[in-house]
Amino acid sequence: MKHLFVPTLSAQQGRASLGCCISLLLIAVLGYAAYKFIPPFFSDYQLKDATNEIAVLSAAGVLPSAGGVSPKPDGFVSDIQDAVMRKAKELDIPLRKQDIKVRRHEALVFITVKYTVPIELPGSLYDLNFEFTSHN
């Protein structure tokens, strides 16, 4: 008579515990990755939105400056860069003034922003690169 292997109750419980531990570990890793990676993408979205608004306001000649509305009708490049820098600082985005390129073509204003956000991971550093162009 052949003996069939019938798993005992304790062997089945051990496999269930291992599966549960692996699932919990996977959830923890995904949660940690979301905690590290989602905020920079959300900040980038907010900066894009603000930069679109800055482009529209500068084209209309009513770009807000640190002391109110800019009296300059054409919204100088430096004023536009300063407005983008203020918003980036508010959002804790590591942006330098030289990372902001402004082009004017007739009534159009193009603002190109390019920057990198370093993400610290256990044992390494990962750079997230962002680049976008806003216009009115």
N, C-alpha and C. Protein backbone atom coordinates (compact mmCIF):
# COMPACT_ATOMS: atom_id res chain seq x y z
N MET A 1 0.84 -1.15 0.00
CA MET A 1 0.00 0.00 0.00
C MET A 1 0.89 1.23 0.00
N LYS A 2 0.59 2.15 -0.88
CA LYS A 2 1.38 3.36 -0.96
C LYS A 2 0.85 4.35 0.04
N HIS A 3 1.82 5.07 0.62
CA HIS A 3 1.43 6.12 1.56
C HIS A 3 1.39 7.45 0.82
N LEU A 4 0.33 8.12 0.94
CA LEU A 4 0.20 9.45 0.36
C LEU A 4 0.59 10.48 1.40
N PHE A 5 1.30 11.49 0.91
CA PHE A 5 1.70 12.55 1.84
C PHE A 5 0.50 13.46 2.03
N VAL A 6 0.08 13.55 3.24
CA VAL A 6 -1.03 14.45 3.58
C VAL A 6 -0.45 15.51 4.49
N PRO A 7 -0.47 16.77 4.05
CA PRO A 7 0.09 17.83 4.89
C PRO A 7 -0.66 17.91 6.20
N THR A 8 0.12 18.09 7.21
CA THR A 8 -0.50 18.23 8.52
C THR A 8 -0.96 19.66 8.69
N LEU A 9 -1.75 19.85 9.70
CA LEU A 9 -2.30 21.17 9.96
C LEU A 9 -1.20 22.18 10.28
N SER A 10 -0.14 21.76 10.98
CA SER A 10 0.93 22.69 11.33
C SER A 10 1.73 23.12 10.09
N ALA A 11 1.90 22.25 9.10
CA ALA A 11 2.61 22.61 7.88
C ALA A 11 1.80 23.62 7.08
N GLN A 12 0.50 23.45 7.04
CA GLN A 12 -0.36 24.41 6.33
C GLN A 12 -0.33 25.77 7.01
N GLN A 13 -0.31 25.78 8.33
CA GLN A 13 -0.27 27.05 9.05
C GLN A 13 1.06 27.76 8.81
N GLY A 14 2.14 27.02 8.69
CA GLY A 14 3.44 27.62 8.43
C GLY A 14 3.49 28.30 7.08
N ARG A 15 2.90 27.66 6.07
CA ARG A 15 2.86 28.27 4.74
C ARG A 15 1.99 29.52 4.75
N ALA A 16 0.92 29.52 5.47
CA ALA A 16 0.03 30.68 5.55
C ALA A 16 0.74 31.83 6.25
N SER A 17 1.51 31.54 7.29
CA SER A 17 2.25 32.58 8.00
C SER A 17 3.33 33.19 7.12
N LEU A 18 4.01 32.36 6.34
CA LEU A 18 5.04 32.85 5.43
C LEU A 18 4.41 33.75 4.36
N GLY A 19 3.30 33.34 3.80
CA GLY A 19 2.60 34.14 2.79
C GLY A 19 2.15 35.47 3.37
N CYS A 20 1.69 35.46 4.59
CA CYS A 20 1.25 36.69 5.25
C CYS A 20 2.43 37.63 5.48
N CYS A 21 3.54 37.10 5.90
CA CYS A 21 4.74 37.92 6.13
C CYS A 21 5.24 38.54 4.83
N ILE A 22 5.24 37.77 3.76
CA ILE A 22 5.67 38.29 2.46
C ILE A 22 4.71 39.38 1.99
N SER A 23 3.42 39.18 2.17
CA SER A 23 2.44 40.20 1.79
C SER A 23 2.63 41.47 2.58
N LEU A 24 2.85 41.36 3.88
CA LEU A 24 3.07 42.54 4.71
C LEU A 24 4.35 43.27 4.33
N LEU A 25 5.40 42.52 4.02
CA LEU A 25 6.65 43.11 3.58
C LEU A 25 6.47 43.86 2.26
N LEU A 26 5.74 43.27 1.32
CA LEU A 26 5.47 43.92 0.04
C LEU A 26 4.66 45.21 0.23
N ILE A 27 3.67 45.18 1.09
CA ILE A 27 2.87 46.37 1.37
C ILE A 27 3.73 47.46 2.00
N ALA A 28 4.63 47.08 2.90
CA ALA A 28 5.51 48.05 3.54
C ALA A 28 6.45 48.69 2.53
N VAL A 29 7.02 47.88 1.63
CA VAL A 29 7.93 48.41 0.60
C VAL A 29 7.18 49.37 -0.33
N LEU A 30 5.98 49.01 -0.77
CA LEU A 30 5.19 49.87 -1.64
C LEU A 30 4.79 51.16 -0.92
N GLY A 31 4.45 51.05 0.36
CA GLY A 31 4.10 52.24 1.14
C GLY A 31 5.29 53.18 1.29
N TYR A 32 6.46 52.63 1.53
CA TYR A 32 7.67 53.45 1.66
C TYR A 32 8.00 54.14 0.34
N ALA A 33 7.87 53.40 -0.76
CA ALA A 33 8.14 53.99 -2.08
C ALA A 33 7.15 55.11 -2.38
N ALA A 34 5.89 54.93 -2.04
CA ALA A 34 4.89 55.98 -2.25
C ALA A 34 5.21 57.19 -1.39
N TYR A 35 5.64 56.97 -0.15
CA TYR A 35 6.00 58.06 0.76
C TYR A 35 7.16 58.88 0.21
N LYS A 36 8.09 58.24 -0.44
CA LYS A 36 9.28 58.92 -0.98
C LYS A 36 9.03 59.56 -2.35
N PHE A 37 8.26 58.91 -3.22
CA PHE A 37 8.16 59.35 -4.61
C PHE A 37 6.94 60.21 -4.93
N ILE A 38 5.83 60.06 -4.23
CA ILE A 38 4.63 60.83 -4.57
C ILE A 38 4.77 62.33 -4.28
N PRO A 39 5.33 62.76 -3.14
CA PRO A 39 5.42 64.22 -2.89
C PRO A 39 6.17 65.01 -3.96
N PRO A 40 7.30 64.55 -4.51
CA PRO A 40 7.94 65.33 -5.58
C PRO A 40 7.07 65.46 -6.84
N PHE A 41 6.32 64.43 -7.17
CA PHE A 41 5.44 64.51 -8.34
C PHE A 41 4.28 65.46 -8.09
N PHE A 42 3.75 65.46 -6.89
CA PHE A 42 2.67 66.38 -6.53
C PHE A 42 3.17 67.82 -6.55
N SER A 43 4.36 68.07 -6.02
CA SER A 43 4.95 69.41 -6.05
C SER A 43 5.21 69.86 -7.48
N ASP A 44 5.67 68.95 -8.33
CA ASP A 44 5.91 69.27 -9.73
C ASP A 44 4.61 69.70 -10.41
N TYR A 45 3.52 69.00 -10.13
CA TYR A 45 2.22 69.35 -10.69
C TYR A 45 1.82 70.76 -10.23
N GLN A 46 2.01 71.07 -8.96
CA GLN A 46 1.66 72.39 -8.44
C GLN A 46 2.53 73.48 -9.07
N LEU A 47 3.81 73.20 -9.27
CA LEU A 47 4.69 74.18 -9.90
C LEU A 47 4.29 74.41 -11.36
N LYS A 48 3.93 73.35 -12.08
CA LYS A 48 3.47 73.50 -13.46
C LYS A 48 2.24 74.41 -13.52
N ASP A 49 1.30 74.17 -12.63
CA ASP A 49 0.08 74.97 -12.58
C ASP A 49 0.40 76.44 -12.31
N ALA A 50 1.26 76.69 -11.34
CA ALA A 50 1.65 78.06 -11.00
C ALA A 50 2.42 78.71 -12.14
N THR A 51 3.26 77.97 -12.83
CA THR A 51 4.04 78.50 -13.94
C THR A 51 3.14 78.86 -15.12
N ASN A 52 2.10 78.07 -15.35
CA ASN A 52 1.12 78.43 -16.39
C ASN A 52 0.46 79.77 -16.05
N GLU A 53 0.10 79.93 -14.80
CA GLU A 53 -0.51 81.19 -14.36
C GLU A 53 0.46 82.36 -14.50
N ILE A 54 1.71 82.14 -14.15
CA ILE A 54 2.73 83.19 -14.29
C ILE A 54 2.90 83.58 -15.75
N ALA A 55 2.89 82.60 -16.65
CA ALA A 55 3.03 82.88 -18.08
C ALA A 55 1.86 83.74 -18.58
N VAL A 56 0.65 83.41 -18.16
CA VAL A 56 -0.52 84.18 -18.58
C VAL A 56 -0.46 85.60 -18.03
N LEU A 57 -0.14 85.73 -16.75
CA LEU A 57 -0.07 87.06 -16.13
C LEU A 57 1.04 87.91 -16.72
N SER A 58 2.18 87.30 -17.00
CA SER A 58 3.29 88.08 -17.56
C SER A 58 2.99 88.52 -18.99
N ALA A 59 2.28 87.70 -19.75
CA ALA A 59 1.90 88.09 -21.11
C ALA A 59 0.89 89.24 -21.07
N ALA A 60 0.06 89.26 -20.03
CA ALA A 60 -0.93 90.33 -19.89
C ALA A 60 -0.33 91.58 -19.26
N GLY A 61 0.89 91.47 -18.74
CA GLY A 61 1.55 92.62 -18.13
C GLY A 61 1.15 92.88 -16.70
N VAL A 62 0.57 91.90 -16.03
CA VAL A 62 0.15 92.07 -14.64
C VAL A 62 0.77 91.01 -13.74
N LEU A 63 2.01 90.70 -13.98
CA LEU A 63 2.71 89.68 -13.20
C LEU A 63 2.87 90.15 -11.76
N PRO A 64 2.38 89.37 -10.79
CA PRO A 64 2.57 89.76 -9.39
C PRO A 64 4.05 89.71 -9.01
N SER A 65 4.51 90.74 -8.34
CA SER A 65 5.89 90.74 -7.86
C SER A 65 5.85 90.64 -6.34
N ALA A 66 7.01 90.65 -5.72
CA ALA A 66 7.08 90.51 -4.26
C ALA A 66 6.35 91.65 -3.57
N GLY A 67 6.31 92.82 -4.19
CA GLY A 67 5.66 93.98 -3.57
C GLY A 67 4.33 94.34 -4.20
N GLY A 68 3.67 93.40 -4.89
CA GLY A 68 2.39 93.70 -5.52
C GLY A 68 2.46 93.43 -7.01
N VAL A 69 1.74 94.24 -7.79
CA VAL A 69 1.71 94.05 -9.24
C VAL A 69 2.90 94.75 -9.87
N SER A 70 3.55 94.07 -10.81
CA SER A 70 4.71 94.62 -11.48
C SER A 70 4.31 95.82 -12.34
N PRO A 71 5.00 96.96 -12.17
CA PRO A 71 4.66 98.12 -12.98
C PRO A 71 5.17 98.01 -14.41
N LYS A 72 6.00 97.02 -14.70
CA LYS A 72 6.58 96.88 -16.03
C LYS A 72 5.56 96.21 -16.95
N PRO A 73 5.21 96.82 -18.06
CA PRO A 73 4.16 96.26 -18.90
C PRO A 73 4.54 94.97 -19.60
N ASP A 74 5.82 94.72 -19.83
CA ASP A 74 6.19 93.54 -20.61
C ASP A 74 6.67 92.37 -19.75
N GLY A 75 6.70 92.47 -18.43
CA GLY A 75 7.10 91.34 -17.58
C GLY A 75 8.49 90.85 -17.91
N PHE A 76 9.49 91.52 -17.43
CA PHE A 76 10.88 91.18 -17.75
C PHE A 76 11.19 89.74 -17.36
N VAL A 77 12.18 89.17 -18.04
CA VAL A 77 12.62 87.79 -17.81
C VAL A 77 12.98 87.57 -16.35
N SER A 78 13.69 88.50 -15.76
CA SER A 78 14.10 88.36 -14.37
C SER A 78 12.89 88.33 -13.44
N ASP A 79 11.88 89.13 -13.72
CA ASP A 79 10.66 89.13 -12.91
C ASP A 79 9.95 87.78 -13.00
N ILE A 80 9.91 87.23 -14.20
CA ILE A 80 9.27 85.93 -14.40
C ILE A 80 10.04 84.85 -13.66
N GLN A 81 11.37 84.87 -13.77
CA GLN A 81 12.18 83.90 -13.05
C GLN A 81 11.99 84.03 -11.54
N ASP A 82 11.94 85.26 -11.06
CA ASP A 82 11.74 85.48 -9.62
C ASP A 82 10.39 84.93 -9.15
N ALA A 83 9.35 85.11 -9.96
CA ALA A 83 8.03 84.61 -9.59
C ALA A 83 8.03 83.07 -9.52
N VAL A 84 8.68 82.44 -10.49
CA VAL A 84 8.77 80.97 -10.48
C VAL A 84 9.61 80.51 -9.29
N MET A 85 10.69 81.22 -9.00
CA MET A 85 11.55 80.87 -7.86
C MET A 85 10.78 80.96 -6.54
N ARG A 86 9.95 81.99 -6.39
CA ARG A 86 9.15 82.14 -5.16
C ARG A 86 8.22 80.95 -4.98
N LYS A 87 7.56 80.54 -6.04
CA LYS A 87 6.65 79.40 -5.96
C LYS A 87 7.42 78.11 -5.67
N ALA A 88 8.58 77.93 -6.30
CA ALA A 88 9.39 76.73 -6.06
C ALA A 88 9.85 76.68 -4.61
N LYS A 89 10.22 77.83 -4.06
CA LYS A 89 10.65 77.88 -2.66
C LYS A 89 9.49 77.53 -1.74
N GLU A 90 8.31 78.03 -2.07
CA GLU A 90 7.11 77.73 -1.29
C GLU A 90 6.81 76.23 -1.29
N LEU A 91 7.10 75.56 -2.40
CA LEU A 91 6.85 74.12 -2.54
C LEU A 91 8.04 73.25 -2.14
N ASP A 92 9.12 73.88 -1.66
CA ASP A 92 10.35 73.16 -1.27
C ASP A 92 10.95 72.38 -2.44
N ILE A 93 10.95 73.00 -3.62
CA ILE A 93 11.55 72.39 -4.80
C ILE A 93 12.95 72.98 -4.97
N PRO A 94 13.97 72.12 -5.10
CA PRO A 94 15.35 72.62 -5.26
C PRO A 94 15.58 73.16 -6.67
N LEU A 95 15.23 74.42 -6.86
CA LEU A 95 15.31 75.04 -8.18
C LEU A 95 16.28 76.21 -8.13
N ARG A 96 17.09 76.33 -9.17
CA ARG A 96 18.01 77.46 -9.29
C ARG A 96 17.51 78.36 -10.40
N LYS A 97 17.85 79.63 -10.31
CA LYS A 97 17.38 80.59 -11.29
C LYS A 97 17.84 80.23 -12.71
N GLN A 98 19.03 79.67 -12.84
CA GLN A 98 19.53 79.29 -14.16
C GLN A 98 18.79 78.07 -14.73
N ASP A 99 17.96 77.40 -13.92
CA ASP A 99 17.16 76.28 -14.40
C ASP A 99 15.86 76.74 -15.05
N ILE A 100 15.61 78.05 -15.05
CA ILE A 100 14.38 78.62 -15.60
C ILE A 100 14.73 79.41 -16.85
N LYS A 101 14.24 78.97 -17.98
CA LYS A 101 14.47 79.66 -19.25
C LYS A 101 13.16 80.32 -19.69
N VAL A 102 13.25 81.60 -20.06
CA VAL A 102 12.08 82.36 -20.48
C VAL A 102 12.29 82.84 -21.91
N ARG A 103 11.30 82.59 -22.76
CA ARG A 103 11.33 83.08 -24.14
C ARG A 103 10.05 83.86 -24.39
N ARG A 104 10.21 84.96 -25.08
CA ARG A 104 9.05 85.76 -25.48
C ARG A 104 9.03 85.80 -27.01
N HIS A 105 7.86 85.56 -27.54
CA HIS A 105 7.68 85.66 -28.99
C HIS A 105 6.35 86.38 -29.21
N GLU A 106 6.48 87.66 -29.58
CA GLU A 106 5.34 88.54 -29.73
C GLU A 106 4.53 88.54 -28.43
N ALA A 107 3.28 88.07 -28.45
CA ALA A 107 2.46 88.10 -27.23
C ALA A 107 2.55 86.80 -26.44
N LEU A 108 3.39 85.87 -26.90
CA LEU A 108 3.51 84.58 -26.22
C LEU A 108 4.70 84.58 -25.26
N VAL A 109 4.51 83.94 -24.13
CA VAL A 109 5.57 83.76 -23.14
C VAL A 109 5.73 82.26 -22.91
N PHE A 110 6.95 81.77 -23.07
CA PHE A 110 7.27 80.37 -22.83
C PHE A 110 8.23 80.29 -21.65
N ILE A 111 7.88 79.49 -20.66
CA ILE A 111 8.73 79.30 -19.49
C ILE A 111 9.09 77.82 -19.42
N THR A 112 10.38 77.52 -19.54
CA THR A 112 10.86 76.15 -19.44
C THR A 112 11.60 75.98 -18.12
N VAL A 113 11.19 74.96 -17.38
CA VAL A 113 11.79 74.68 -16.08
C VAL A 113 12.35 73.27 -16.10
N LYS A 114 13.59 73.14 -15.65
CA LYS A 114 14.25 71.83 -15.61
C LYS A 114 14.99 71.73 -14.28
N TYR A 115 14.69 70.67 -13.51
CA TYR A 115 15.33 70.51 -12.21
C TYR A 115 15.36 69.03 -11.81
N THR A 116 16.15 68.74 -10.80
CA THR A 116 16.31 67.39 -10.30
C THR A 116 16.03 67.37 -8.80
N VAL A 117 15.28 66.36 -8.37
CA VAL A 117 15.00 66.18 -6.94
C VAL A 117 15.70 64.90 -6.50
N PRO A 118 16.64 65.00 -5.55
CA PRO A 118 17.29 63.78 -5.06
C PRO A 118 16.38 63.05 -4.06
N ILE A 119 16.26 61.75 -4.23
CA ILE A 119 15.46 60.91 -3.33
C ILE A 119 16.42 59.96 -2.62
N GLU A 120 16.44 60.05 -1.30
CA GLU A 120 17.31 59.17 -0.52
C GLU A 120 16.60 57.84 -0.26
N LEU A 121 17.21 56.79 -0.74
CA LEU A 121 16.72 55.44 -0.50
C LEU A 121 17.76 54.70 0.33
N PRO A 122 17.36 53.66 1.04
CA PRO A 122 18.35 52.93 1.83
C PRO A 122 19.50 52.43 0.94
N GLY A 123 20.67 52.92 1.20
CA GLY A 123 21.86 52.47 0.48
C GLY A 123 22.13 53.18 -0.83
N SER A 124 21.28 54.11 -1.23
CA SER A 124 21.53 54.80 -2.50
C SER A 124 20.78 56.13 -2.56
N LEU A 125 21.12 56.88 -3.59
CA LEU A 125 20.48 58.16 -3.85
C LEU A 125 19.94 58.11 -5.27
N TYR A 126 18.66 58.41 -5.43
CA TYR A 126 18.02 58.36 -6.75
C TYR A 126 17.62 59.77 -7.15
N ASP A 127 17.92 60.17 -8.38
CA ASP A 127 17.58 61.50 -8.87
C ASP A 127 16.34 61.42 -9.76
N LEU A 128 15.32 62.19 -9.38
CA LEU A 128 14.13 62.34 -10.21
C LEU A 128 14.30 63.60 -11.04
N ASN A 129 14.25 63.48 -12.35
CA ASN A 129 14.42 64.62 -13.24
C ASN A 129 13.06 65.10 -13.72
N PHE A 130 12.85 66.41 -13.62
CA PHE A 130 11.61 67.02 -14.07
C PHE A 130 11.94 68.10 -15.09
N GLU A 131 11.11 68.19 -16.12
CA GLU A 131 11.24 69.25 -17.11
C GLU A 131 9.88 69.50 -17.74
N PHE A 132 9.50 70.75 -17.85
CA PHE A 132 8.24 71.11 -18.50
C PHE A 132 8.34 72.51 -19.06
N THR A 133 7.46 72.81 -20.01
CA THR A 133 7.36 74.14 -20.60
C THR A 133 5.93 74.62 -20.45
N SER A 134 5.78 75.82 -19.91
CA SER A 134 4.46 76.45 -19.75
C SER A 134 4.38 77.63 -20.69
N HIS A 135 3.19 77.93 -21.13
CA HIS A 135 2.99 79.11 -21.98
C HIS A 135 1.57 79.61 -21.83
N ASN A 136 1.37 80.84 -22.27
CA ASN A 136 0.03 81.43 -22.18
C ASN A 136 -0.81 81.07 -23.38
